């Protein structure tokens, strides 16, 4: 599967995973001019991940989570954003 095919297939996966961590990308983009670039980079990393099937199953099971799965290529960034969200809330 090509990178573009993986990107199209997973375009919903990263934002859904972020939502499980309490991250609202739309709200972040309203607050920060850098959030759109951060979102784009996160989507690209997600499309490169070899664990998309495992991740999709995790997202379907988890309705709320404290951290992204260990295999997540965006884990560190998502943890930082979740902490920022807690501070804002």
C-alpha atoms as a PDB file:
ATOM      1  CA  UNK A   1       0.000   0.000   0.000  1.00  0.00           C
ATOM      2  CA  UNK A   2       1.398   3.398  -0.953  1.00  0.00           C
ATOM      3  CA  UNK A   3       1.978   6.215   1.522  1.00  0.00           C
ATOM      4  CA  UNK A   4      -0.903   8.183  -0.006  1.00  0.00           C
ATOM      5  CA  UNK A   5      -3.241   5.187   0.336  1.00  0.00           C
ATOM      6  CA  UNK A   6      -2.255   4.803   4.008  1.00  0.00           C
ATOM      7  CA  UNK A   7      -2.779   8.524   4.580  1.00  0.00           C
ATOM      8  CA  UNK A   8      -6.290   8.396   3.100  1.00  0.00           C
ATOM      9  CA  UNK A   9      -7.105   5.231   5.040  1.00  0.00           C
ATOM     10  CA  UNK A  10      -5.880   6.657   8.355  1.00  0.00           C
ATOM     11  CA  UNK A  11      -6.967  10.280   8.049  1.00  0.00           C
ATOM     12  CA  UNK A  12      -9.583   9.706  10.766  1.00  0.00           C
ATOM     13  CA  UNK A  13      -7.426   7.565  13.051  1.00  0.00           C
ATOM     14  CA  UNK A  14      -5.080  10.124  14.613  1.00  0.00           C
ATOM     15  CA  UNK A  15      -7.802  12.678  15.467  1.00  0.00           C
ATOM     16  CA  UNK A  16      -9.946   9.923  16.998  1.00  0.00           C
ATOM     17  CA  UNK A  17      -7.004   8.718  19.076  1.00  0.00           C
ATOM     18  CA  UNK A  18      -6.331  12.301  20.189  1.00  0.00           C
ATOM     19  CA  UNK A  19      -9.989  12.682  21.149  1.00  0.00           C
ATOM     20  CA  UNK A  20      -9.644   9.661  23.468  1.00  0.00           C
ATOM     21  CA  UNK A  21      -6.926  11.633  25.258  1.00  0.00           C
ATOM     22  CA  UNK A  22      -9.114  14.736  25.584  1.00  0.00           C
ATOM     23  CA  UNK A  23      -7.439  16.674  22.779  1.00  0.00           C
ATOM     24  CA  UNK A  24      -9.710  18.850  20.631  1.00  0.00           C
ATOM     25  CA  UNK A  25      -7.817  19.698  17.444  1.00  0.00           C
ATOM     26  CA  UNK A  26     -10.407  22.230  16.250  1.00  0.00           C
ATOM     27  CA  UNK A  27     -10.124  24.151  19.509  1.00  0.00           C
ATOM     28  CA  UNK A  28      -6.302  23.995  19.357  1.00  0.00           C
ATOM     29  CA  UNK A  29      -6.314  25.380  15.822  1.00  0.00           C
ATOM     30  CA  UNK A  30      -8.514  28.272  16.951  1.00  0.00           C
ATOM     31  CA  UNK A  31      -6.005  29.113  19.716  1.00  0.00           C
ATOM     32  CA  UNK A  32      -2.667  28.566  17.986  1.00  0.00           C
ATOM     33  CA  UNK A  33      -1.348  29.475  14.556  1.00  0.00           C
ATOM     34  CA  UNK A  34       1.051  26.508  14.813  1.00  0.00           C
ATOM     35  CA  UNK A  35      -1.590  23.867  15.522  1.00  0.00           C
ATOM     36  CA  UNK A  36      -2.437  23.245  11.844  1.00  0.00           C
ATOM     37  CA  UNK A  37       1.202  22.426  11.062  1.00  0.00           C
ATOM     38  CA  UNK A  38       1.390  20.218  14.161  1.00  0.00           C
ATOM     39  CA  UNK A  39      -1.786  18.424  13.050  1.00  0.00           C
ATOM     40  CA  UNK A  40      -0.409  17.883   9.546  1.00  0.00           C
ATOM     41  CA  UNK A  41       2.842  16.414  10.932  1.00  0.00           C
ATOM     42  CA  UNK A  42       0.878  14.115  13.245  1.00  0.00           C
ATOM     43  CA  UNK A  43      -1.208  12.841  10.317  1.00  0.00           C
ATOM     44  CA  UNK A  44       1.953  12.150   8.311  1.00  0.00           C
ATOM     45  CA  UNK A  45       3.529  10.214  11.191  1.00  0.00           C
ATOM     46  CA  UNK A  46       0.291   8.255  11.599  1.00  0.00           C
ATOM     47  CA  UNK A  47       0.339   7.323   7.912  1.00  0.00           C
ATOM     48  CA  UNK A  48       3.888   5.962   8.337  1.00  0.00           C
ATOM     49  CA  UNK A  49       2.914   3.716  11.273  1.00  0.00           C
ATOM     50  CA  UNK A  50       3.001  -0.045  10.680  1.00  0.00           C
ATOM     51  CA  UNK A  51       0.493  -0.579  13.525  1.00  0.00           C
ATOM     52  CA  UNK A  52      -2.586   1.048  12.010  1.00  0.00           C
ATOM     53  CA  UNK A  53      -4.754  -2.072  12.396  1.00  0.00           C
ATOM     54  CA  UNK A  54      -3.784  -2.475  16.041  1.00  0.00           C
ATOM     55  CA  UNK A  55      -4.306   1.232  16.613  1.00  0.00           C
ATOM     56  CA  UNK A  56      -7.719   1.209  14.944  1.00  0.00           C
ATOM     57  CA  UNK A  57      -8.784  -1.638  17.279  1.00  0.00           C
ATOM     58  CA  UNK A  58      -7.431   0.303  20.305  1.00  0.00           C
ATOM     59  CA  UNK A  59      -9.351   3.442  19.279  1.00  0.00           C
ATOM     60  CA  UNK A  60     -12.541   1.406  18.891  1.00  0.00           C
ATOM     61  CA  UNK A  61     -12.157  -0.114  22.393  1.00  0.00           C
ATOM     62  CA  UNK A  62     -10.980   2.970  24.291  1.00  0.00           C
ATOM     63  CA  UNK A  63     -13.514   5.682  24.954  1.00  0.00           C
ATOM     64  CA  UNK A  64     -11.115   7.636  27.146  1.00  0.00           C
ATOM     65  CA  UNK A  65      -7.436   7.068  27.870  1.00  0.00           C
ATOM     66  CA  UNK A  66      -4.591   8.577  29.871  1.00  0.00           C
ATOM     67  CA  UNK A  67      -1.943   7.894  27.223  1.00  0.00           C
ATOM     68  CA  UNK A  68      -1.541   6.785  23.648  1.00  0.00           C
ATOM     69  CA  UNK A  69      -0.344   3.216  23.072  1.00  0.00           C
ATOM     70  CA  UNK A  70       3.401   2.688  23.389  1.00  0.00           C
ATOM     71  CA  UNK A  71       3.764   1.928  19.665  1.00  0.00           C
ATOM     72  CA  UNK A  72       2.196   5.268  18.650  1.00  0.00           C
ATOM     73  CA  UNK A  73       4.594   7.436  16.646  1.00  0.00           C
ATOM     74  CA  UNK A  74       2.752  10.502  17.993  1.00  0.00           C
ATOM     75  CA  UNK A  75       2.772   9.405  21.647  1.00  0.00           C
ATOM     76  CA  UNK A  76       5.135  12.092  22.983  1.00  0.00           C
ATOM     77  CA  UNK A  77       3.379  14.894  21.107  1.00  0.00           C
ATOM     78  CA  UNK A  78      -0.062  13.658  22.176  1.00  0.00           C
ATOM     79  CA  UNK A  79       1.044  13.464  25.821  1.00  0.00           C
ATOM     80  CA  UNK A  80       2.265  17.055  25.629  1.00  0.00           C
ATOM     81  CA  UNK A  81      -0.980  18.208  24.038  1.00  0.00           C
ATOM     82  CA  UNK A  82      -3.058  16.347  26.617  1.00  0.00           C
ATOM     83  CA  UNK A  83      -1.139  18.125  29.401  1.00  0.00           C
ATOM     84  CA  UNK A  84      -1.697  21.465  27.656  1.00  0.00           C
ATOM     85  CA  UNK A  85      -5.406  20.665  27.427  1.00  0.00           C
ATOM     86  CA  UNK A  86      -5.538  19.908  31.158  1.00  0.00           C
ATOM     87  CA  UNK A  87      -3.903  23.247  31.935  1.00  0.00           C
ATOM     88  CA  UNK A  88      -6.404  25.073  29.708  1.00  0.00           C
ATOM     89  CA  UNK A  89      -9.421  23.284  31.187  1.00  0.00           C
END
